[in-house]
Amino acid sequence: MIILKSPREIEALRRAGGFVGRFFEEVKPLIRAGSTTMDLEECAAAYLERQGVKGAFKGYMGYPANLCTSVNERVVHGIPSRKQVLHEGDLISIDFGVMANGFCGDSAKTFPVGKIAEVHARLISVTEASLHKGIEACRVGNRLGDMSHAIQEFVEAAGFSVVRDFVGHGIGRKMHEEPQVPNFGTPGTGPKFVAGMVLAIEPMVNEGSWGVEVLADGWTVMTRDRKRSAHFEHVVAITPEGPEILTLP
């Protein structure tokens, strides 16, 4: 069942999303060659303590950290580690979630580490733009398939592929609510958008084929062909006036 949110609940989601959006500004200076992904995790832990809010990921289904830090061919759910050192030319996707006053915020961004190859800069740019193509389709009267198709069409026209095995989700008091939000689909299909729906839209875009696999740690998702991947995510409310991003700083 899709749980519709009242204006008051959307305001609570906006507050939770703000904590997430502001974190990305805080962590940026650490995204450089020589940092470890555990440095980023420690930054997140300190930020949560300072803000007086709780991380939404640590402990969720046994996940061991506040951040997902996925480097290069890792798509999502990379676990922070002191052994994972960032190098010039890497890509790192950071996924961060917060629980505040009983509501969830959730967002992801992919960052370049120093100077990166042109194709990887384009991968980041196309992935972020595809998220906004999807957001633009989140209008009352459209269907979920319209949004999913808008993302897929944009990504594939750019020569990249959309991950099929992992998708976005509804969000509210729980991190994962109905509906599932794929980044691929057929226009005119799926649930019809109505005011009060809140979705976490998160295209995961691969440089090569869309196939992925989960490593033995049970979490880390890698591209099957070991080419690189990028990931962007925002929480979006569907309102009578149009889509509103709730995870801005």
Foldseek 3Di string as FASTA:
>chain_A
DFDFADPVLLVVQLVQLQLQQVLVVVLVVQLAFFHFLVVSQVSVVVSCVVVVWDWQPDPDVNLHTQKWKAKFQWQTQHHTDPVGTDHQAMKIKIWGKIADPLFIFIKIAIDHHHDHDPLVVVQRVQQVVLLVQLQQQQEAFWFLQVSLQSSQVSQVVVPWGWAFPAFWAWTGSHRHDDDTRHNHHDTPDHDGHDFRTKIKGKTKIFNDYNAWDDDPVRGTIGHPVSGGITMTIFIWGHHNVGIDTSNHD
